[in-house]
Amino acid sequence: MKAMTSVEEIAGLLGRTPIFSGLSPRDLTQLAEVAVPRSYLAGEAIFREGDSGDTCYVVRSGRVRVTRRHSDGRVLTLAEMGKGQMFGELAMFDGETRSATVEAIEDTSALALLAGDVRRLLLNHPEIAVKMLSGVAGRLRAANERLTRQSFQTVAGRVASALLGQVESRRADGAGDNGSPVLIEATQAQIAQLAGASRESASRFLAKLERAGLITTGRGKVVVHEPNALRNYIY
């Protein structure tokens, strides 16, 4: 994976990131000078729940998954993030240990920003803090909705919701239009994790969808042929 070494390139990426989009070229250059390019392989943990942390990250390419371990041993997926999105920003505010685990879903590159550098930026640009908190609130809201679905929906509804969420996420990244199939690069175990279901129960439902012609499964991937039909299973 090609690493970025040019301050100008990094400043350009940060300028296209919603949270930093209002900064002047001078501020972006100053931030770029302290940003550290990092690369991660698919499946690699960027940090784990309980780790100490003083760094936040902006995704340059690829995707990451945010998870948290439940007291009963289940791993719950809280969010997935792609290009231009920030994670780990709670380290900017509380200095506590990491509240969740973040791992790369696919080969991913990111920019690492130390808490001290970002805090200095926030003092001069409080509007960035508002954007940052808005992003945290949005992810918290999405996590609450997902946990509610996992508490009250059937396995079929949870798996269908997880697949549909993946489809919408891929389309947001430019993967086809409403009428075309969508490739989801995820194992059945990962889909089960997204749905908060056991691998066995998720696999049985995926097999049912495949027999109905709605999806095709393969090694580490699922192709969704009729995304809108998944809504029939969500109740």
Protein backbone atom coordinates (compact mmCIF):
# COMPACT_ATOMS: atom_id res chain seq x y z
CA MET A 1 0.00 0.00 0.00
CA LYS A 2 1.48 3.34 -1.04
CA ALA A 3 2.10 5.68 1.89
CA MET A 4 1.60 9.43 1.63
CA THR A 5 4.75 11.44 2.35
CA SER A 6 3.80 14.85 0.95
CA VAL A 7 2.45 17.43 3.37
CA GLU A 8 0.44 18.88 0.49
CA GLU A 9 -1.21 15.52 -0.20
CA ILE A 10 -2.08 15.02 3.45
CA ALA A 11 -3.43 18.57 3.76
CA GLY A 12 -5.58 17.95 0.68
CA LEU A 13 -7.04 14.77 2.21
CA LEU A 14 -7.76 16.50 5.53
CA GLY A 15 -9.40 19.39 3.69
CA ARG A 16 -11.83 16.92 2.07
CA THR A 17 -12.68 15.42 5.47
CA PRO A 18 -15.98 16.93 6.68
CA ILE A 19 -14.73 17.68 10.16
CA PHE A 20 -11.80 19.78 8.87
CA SER A 21 -13.41 21.16 5.72
CA GLY A 22 -13.70 24.71 7.09
CA LEU A 23 -10.02 25.13 7.91
CA SER A 24 -7.78 27.53 6.03
CA PRO A 25 -4.92 26.17 3.87
CA ARG A 26 -2.48 27.35 6.55
CA ASP A 27 -4.30 25.44 9.32
CA LEU A 28 -4.56 22.33 7.15
CA THR A 29 -0.83 22.47 6.42
CA GLN A 30 -0.03 22.77 10.14
CA LEU A 31 -2.26 19.78 10.89
CA ALA A 32 -0.76 17.79 8.01
CA GLU A 33 2.74 18.39 9.34
CA VAL A 34 1.93 16.47 12.53
CA ALA A 35 -0.25 13.75 10.94
CA VAL A 36 1.37 10.32 10.67
CA PRO A 37 0.35 7.99 7.79
CA ARG A 38 -0.46 4.45 8.98
CA SER A 39 -1.39 1.27 7.09
CA TYR A 40 -3.28 -1.80 8.32
CA LEU A 41 -4.01 -5.18 6.78
CA ALA A 42 -7.53 -6.62 6.63
CA GLY A 43 -8.35 -8.09 10.05
CA GLU A 44 -5.64 -6.14 11.87
CA ALA A 45 -6.61 -4.36 15.09
CA ILE A 46 -5.82 -0.64 15.17
CA PHE A 47 -6.54 -0.53 18.89
CA ARG A 48 -8.46 -2.68 21.36
CA GLU A 49 -11.04 -2.00 24.04
CA GLY A 50 -9.20 -1.19 27.28
CA ASP A 51 -6.01 0.06 25.60
CA SER A 52 -4.66 3.43 26.62
CA GLY A 53 -5.05 5.96 23.84
CA ASP A 54 -3.95 9.47 22.94
CA THR A 55 -4.49 9.31 19.17
CA CYS A 56 -7.41 9.72 16.79
CA TYR A 57 -7.49 8.61 13.16
CA VAL A 58 -8.91 9.72 9.82
CA VAL A 59 -9.55 6.96 7.27
CA ARG A 60 -7.71 7.60 4.01
CA SER A 61 -8.87 4.43 2.21
CA GLY A 62 -10.47 1.12 3.15
CA ARG A 63 -12.96 0.48 5.94
CA VAL A 64 -12.84 -0.13 9.69
CA ARG A 65 -15.26 -1.75 12.12
CA VAL A 66 -15.91 -0.57 15.69
CA THR A 67 -16.87 -3.34 18.13
CA ARG A 68 -17.41 -3.84 21.82
CA ARG A 69 -17.50 -7.04 23.85
CA HIS A 70 -20.71 -7.70 25.81
CA SER A 71 -20.57 -9.13 29.33
CA ASP A 72 -22.07 -12.39 28.00
CA GLY A 73 -19.15 -12.84 25.61
CA ARG A 74 -20.83 -11.62 22.42
CA VAL A 75 -19.01 -9.12 20.23
CA LEU A 76 -21.32 -6.27 19.20
CA THR A 77 -20.61 -4.15 16.13
CA LEU A 78 -21.25 -0.48 16.90
CA ALA A 79 -20.26 1.16 13.62
CA GLU A 80 -18.37 0.88 10.35
CA MET A 81 -16.43 3.77 8.84
CA GLY A 82 -14.81 4.56 5.51
CA LYS A 83 -12.86 7.26 3.71
CA GLY A 84 -12.87 10.68 5.35
CA GLN A 85 -14.37 9.51 8.66
CA MET A 86 -12.70 9.92 12.04
CA PHE A 87 -12.51 7.43 14.90
CA GLY A 88 -10.82 7.32 18.29
CA GLU A 89 -11.69 10.95 18.97
CA LEU A 90 -12.90 10.30 22.53
CA ALA A 91 -9.19 10.35 23.38
CA MET A 92 -9.35 14.08 22.61
CA PHE A 93 -11.69 14.68 25.53
CA ASP A 94 -11.37 12.20 28.38
CA GLY A 95 -7.90 10.65 28.21
CA GLU A 96 -9.38 7.34 29.41
CA THR A 97 -8.82 3.87 28.00
CA ARG A 98 -10.37 2.91 24.67
CA SER A 99 -14.10 2.23 24.95
CA ALA A 100 -14.18 -0.07 21.91
CA THR A 101 -12.04 -2.11 19.53
CA VAL A 102 -11.38 -0.88 15.99
CA GLU A 103 -10.11 -3.25 13.31
CA ALA A 104 -9.59 -2.97 9.57
CA ILE A 105 -12.28 -4.75 7.54
CA GLU A 106 -10.09 -4.52 4.44
CA ASP A 107 -6.61 -3.19 3.76
CA THR A 108 -6.82 0.32 5.17
CA SER A 109 -4.69 3.44 5.32
CA ALA A 110 -5.27 6.20 7.84
CA LEU A 111 -3.79 9.37 9.28
CA ALA A 112 -2.95 9.35 12.99
CA LEU A 113 -3.31 12.59 14.95
CA LEU A 114 -2.08 12.99 18.53
CA ALA A 115 -4.57 14.32 21.07
CA GLY A 116 -2.35 17.23 22.04
CA ASP A 117 -2.09 18.45 18.44
CA VAL A 118 -5.85 18.23 17.91
CA ARG A 119 -6.64 19.92 21.24
CA ARG A 120 -4.54 22.92 20.23
CA LEU A 121 -6.50 23.08 16.99
CA LEU A 122 -9.80 22.90 18.90
CA LEU A 123 -8.83 25.86 21.09
CA ASN A 124 -8.43 28.01 17.98
CA HIS A 125 -11.39 26.52 16.10
CA PRO A 126 -14.20 25.56 18.52
CA GLU A 127 -16.49 24.86 15.56
CA ILE A 128 -14.41 21.73 14.91
CA ALA A 129 -15.26 20.49 18.40
CA VAL A 130 -18.95 20.92 17.56
CA LYS A 131 -18.51 18.87 14.37
CA MET A 132 -16.58 16.22 16.28
CA LEU A 133 -19.24 15.91 18.97
CA SER A 134 -21.93 15.77 16.29
CA GLY A 135 -20.14 12.81 14.72
CA VAL A 136 -19.87 11.04 18.08
CA ALA A 137 -23.58 11.68 18.75
CA GLY A 138 -24.53 10.28 15.34
CA ARG A 139 -22.59 7.08 15.94
CA LEU A 140 -24.06 6.75 19.43
CA ARG A 141 -27.56 7.13 17.99
CA ALA A 142 -26.83 4.51 15.32
CA ALA A 143 -25.38 2.15 17.93
CA ASN A 144 -28.48 2.54 20.13
CA GLU A 145 -30.74 1.80 17.15
CA ARG A 146 -28.70 -1.28 16.28
CA LEU A 147 -28.79 -2.56 19.86
CA THR A 148 -32.55 -2.01 19.97
CA ARG A 149 -32.99 -4.03 16.78
CA GLN A 150 -30.83 -6.79 18.17
CA SER A 151 -32.97 -6.89 21.31
CA PHE A 152 -36.37 -7.09 19.64
CA GLN A 153 -35.95 -8.37 16.07
CA THR A 154 -35.84 -11.99 14.99
CA VAL A 155 -32.57 -13.43 13.69
CA ALA A 156 -33.93 -13.11 10.15
CA GLY A 157 -34.73 -9.44 10.70
CA ARG A 158 -31.32 -8.71 12.23
CA VAL A 159 -29.39 -10.46 9.45
CA ALA A 160 -31.49 -8.79 6.74
CA SER A 161 -30.95 -5.41 8.43
CA ALA A 162 -27.21 -6.04 8.60
CA LEU A 163 -27.06 -6.95 4.91
CA LEU A 164 -29.15 -3.94 3.92
CA GLY A 165 -26.93 -1.67 6.00
CA GLN A 166 -23.88 -3.04 4.20
CA VAL A 167 -25.54 -2.48 0.83
CA GLU A 168 -26.36 1.14 1.69
CA SER A 169 -22.83 1.72 2.96
CA ARG A 170 -21.27 0.32 -0.23
CA ARG A 171 -23.60 2.41 -2.39
CA ALA A 172 -22.60 5.51 -0.44
CA ASP A 173 -19.03 4.66 -1.45
CA GLY A 174 -20.10 4.48 -5.10
CA ALA A 175 -20.72 0.73 -5.47
CA GLY A 176 -23.49 0.65 -8.06
CA ASP A 177 -26.99 2.08 -8.26
CA ASN A 178 -30.31 0.91 -6.85
CA GLY A 179 -30.82 -1.66 -9.59
CA SER A 180 -27.44 -3.41 -9.60
CA PRO A 181 -26.10 -6.23 -7.39
CA VAL A 182 -23.80 -5.20 -4.55
CA LEU A 183 -20.71 -7.09 -3.41
CA ILE A 184 -20.18 -7.27 0.34
CA GLU A 185 -16.71 -8.45 1.30
CA ALA A 186 -17.45 -10.12 4.62
CA THR A 187 -17.48 -13.64 6.00
CA GLN A 188 -20.63 -15.22 7.36
CA ALA A 189 -19.12 -14.91 10.84
CA GLN A 190 -18.68 -11.16 10.35
CA ILE A 191 -22.26 -10.79 9.12
CA ALA A 192 -23.44 -12.73 12.18
CA GLN A 193 -21.43 -10.34 14.36
CA LEU A 194 -23.03 -7.35 12.67
CA ALA A 195 -26.45 -8.87 13.31
CA GLY A 196 -25.73 -9.85 16.91
CA ALA A 197 -26.56 -13.46 16.07
CA SER A 198 -24.75 -16.78 16.30
CA ARG A 199 -22.86 -17.87 13.21
CA GLU A 200 -25.02 -20.98 12.89
CA SER A 201 -28.35 -19.15 12.94
CA ALA A 202 -27.07 -16.43 10.58
CA SER A 203 -25.73 -19.06 8.16
CA ARG A 204 -29.10 -20.85 8.08
CA PHE A 205 -30.87 -17.63 7.14
CA LEU A 206 -28.25 -16.73 4.53
CA ALA A 207 -28.77 -20.18 2.99
CA LYS A 208 -32.51 -19.45 2.86
CA LEU A 209 -31.87 -16.15 1.06
CA GLU A 210 -29.55 -17.91 -1.38
CA ARG A 211 -32.17 -20.56 -2.18
CA ALA A 212 -34.59 -17.70 -2.87
CA GLY A 213 -32.11 -16.19 -5.32
CA LEU A 214 -31.70 -12.97 -3.36
CA ILE A 215 -28.00 -13.45 -2.59
CA THR A 216 -25.02 -15.53 -3.62
CA THR A 217 -22.45 -16.45 -0.99
CA GLY A 218 -18.78 -17.20 -1.58
CA ARG A 219 -15.57 -17.40 0.35
CA GLY A 220 -15.43 -14.17 2.36
CA LYS A 221 -18.11 -12.44 0.32
CA VAL A 222 -21.84 -12.09 -0.28
CA VAL A 223 -23.38 -10.68 -3.46
CA VAL A 224 -26.81 -9.15 -2.83
CA HIS A 225 -28.88 -9.36 -6.02
CA GLU A 226 -32.16 -7.87 -4.77
CA PRO A 227 -31.48 -5.51 -1.84
CA ASN A 228 -35.03 -4.17 -1.69
CA ALA A 229 -36.39 -7.69 -1.16
CA LEU A 230 -34.45 -7.86 2.12
CA ARG A 231 -36.93 -5.37 3.60
CA ASN A 232 -39.57 -8.11 3.52
CA TYR A 233 -37.69 -9.90 6.30
CA ILE A 234 -37.31 -6.87 8.57
CA TYR A 235 -40.05 -6.65 11.17
